[in-house]
Amino acid sequence: LAQALFGNPDILLMDEPTNHLDLESIESLNKGIINFPETVLFTSHDHQFVQTIADRIIDVTTGSFYDKNITYDEYLDELAAKEENG
């Protein structure tokens, strides 16, 4: 990550960035991403990481596309309400 940032990129693409990291490393990663002034696009199964970092959720599933400026918990609430209402 540090090496990628030396080139002043316009975007960071990350796939499961918290995998195999200890808590201290995840906290450092969070701070680095929060302070990164450009776009960060990532995939993750780490709920806490997504909730801490993401301010826009893009979900691409078979036959549908979701793109909204909300937190991960708000997104999960919307999904639950949609399921509840059929």
Protein backbone atom coordinates (compact mmCIF):
# COMPACT_ATOMS: atom_id res chain seq x y z
CA LEU A 1 0.00 0.00 0.00
CA ALA A 2 2.75 2.44 0.91
CA GLN A 3 4.55 1.76 -2.35
CA ALA A 4 1.33 2.33 -4.33
CA LEU A 5 0.80 5.68 -2.61
CA PHE A 6 4.25 6.99 -3.58
CA GLY A 7 3.05 7.33 -7.18
CA ASN A 8 0.16 9.65 -6.16
CA PRO A 9 -2.54 7.50 -7.77
CA ASP A 10 -6.00 8.84 -8.60
CA ILE A 11 -7.63 5.59 -7.46
CA LEU A 12 -6.79 2.61 -5.25
CA LEU A 13 -8.28 -0.78 -6.10
CA MET A 14 -8.20 -3.25 -3.22
CA ASP A 15 -9.46 -6.83 -2.96
CA GLU A 16 -10.09 -7.98 0.62
CA PRO A 17 -7.46 -5.60 2.05
CA THR A 18 -7.92 -6.75 5.67
CA ASN A 19 -7.27 -10.45 4.97
CA HIS A 20 -4.40 -11.82 7.05
CA LEU A 21 -3.89 -8.53 8.93
CA ASP A 22 -3.81 -8.21 12.71
CA LEU A 23 -5.94 -5.60 14.46
CA GLU A 24 -3.14 -3.03 14.65
CA SER A 25 -2.48 -3.34 10.91
CA ILE A 26 -6.19 -3.01 10.12
CA GLU A 27 -6.38 0.17 12.21
CA SER A 28 -3.39 1.60 10.32
CA LEU A 29 -4.98 0.62 7.01
CA ASN A 30 -8.23 2.34 8.05
CA LYS A 31 -6.38 5.56 8.87
CA GLY A 32 -4.43 5.44 5.61
CA ILE A 33 -7.54 4.95 3.51
CA ILE A 34 -9.52 7.61 5.38
CA ASN A 35 -6.68 10.09 4.78
CA PHE A 36 -6.28 9.13 1.11
CA PRO A 37 -7.63 12.13 -0.85
CA GLU A 38 -8.71 10.21 -3.95
CA THR A 39 -11.07 7.34 -4.77
CA VAL A 40 -10.75 3.94 -3.10
CA LEU A 41 -12.67 1.00 -4.56
CA PHE A 42 -12.55 -2.21 -2.53
CA THR A 43 -14.23 -5.54 -1.93
CA SER A 44 -14.46 -6.91 1.58
CA HIS A 45 -16.32 -9.36 3.79
CA ASP A 46 -15.13 -7.47 6.88
CA HIS A 47 -18.28 -5.74 8.15
CA GLN A 48 -16.47 -3.42 10.56
CA PHE A 49 -13.95 -2.36 7.91
CA VAL A 50 -16.69 -1.60 5.37
CA GLN A 51 -18.75 0.29 7.96
CA THR A 52 -15.71 2.34 9.02
CA ILE A 53 -14.42 3.18 5.54
CA ALA A 54 -17.26 3.14 3.00
CA ASP A 55 -19.45 6.15 2.30
CA ARG A 56 -20.86 4.69 -0.91
CA ILE A 57 -22.07 1.14 -1.51
CA ILE A 58 -21.96 -0.48 -4.93
CA ASP A 59 -23.41 -3.98 -5.06
CA VAL A 60 -23.38 -5.94 -8.30
CA THR A 61 -25.34 -9.17 -8.19
CA THR A 62 -26.87 -11.34 -10.86
CA GLY A 63 -29.47 -9.25 -12.63
CA SER A 64 -29.16 -6.15 -10.44
CA PHE A 65 -26.94 -3.18 -9.72
CA TYR A 66 -27.10 -1.03 -6.56
CA ASP A 67 -25.20 2.26 -6.16
CA LYS A 68 -25.95 4.68 -3.34
CA ASN A 69 -24.09 7.08 -1.04
CA ILE A 70 -24.88 5.43 2.31
CA THR A 71 -23.07 3.53 5.05
CA TYR A 72 -22.90 -0.23 5.05
CA ASP A 73 -25.28 -0.53 8.01
CA GLU A 74 -27.81 1.69 6.22
CA TYR A 75 -27.49 -0.54 3.17
CA LEU A 76 -28.12 -3.66 5.27
CA ASP A 77 -31.17 -1.96 6.82
CA GLU A 78 -32.52 -1.25 3.33
CA LEU A 79 -31.99 -4.87 2.31
CA ALA A 80 -33.78 -6.12 5.43
CA ALA A 81 -36.72 -3.76 4.84
CA LYS A 82 -36.93 -4.84 1.20
CA GLU A 83 -36.98 -8.51 2.23
CA GLU A 84 -39.59 -7.79 4.89
CA ASN A 85 -41.86 -6.00 2.42
CA GLY A 86 -41.40 -8.62 -0.27
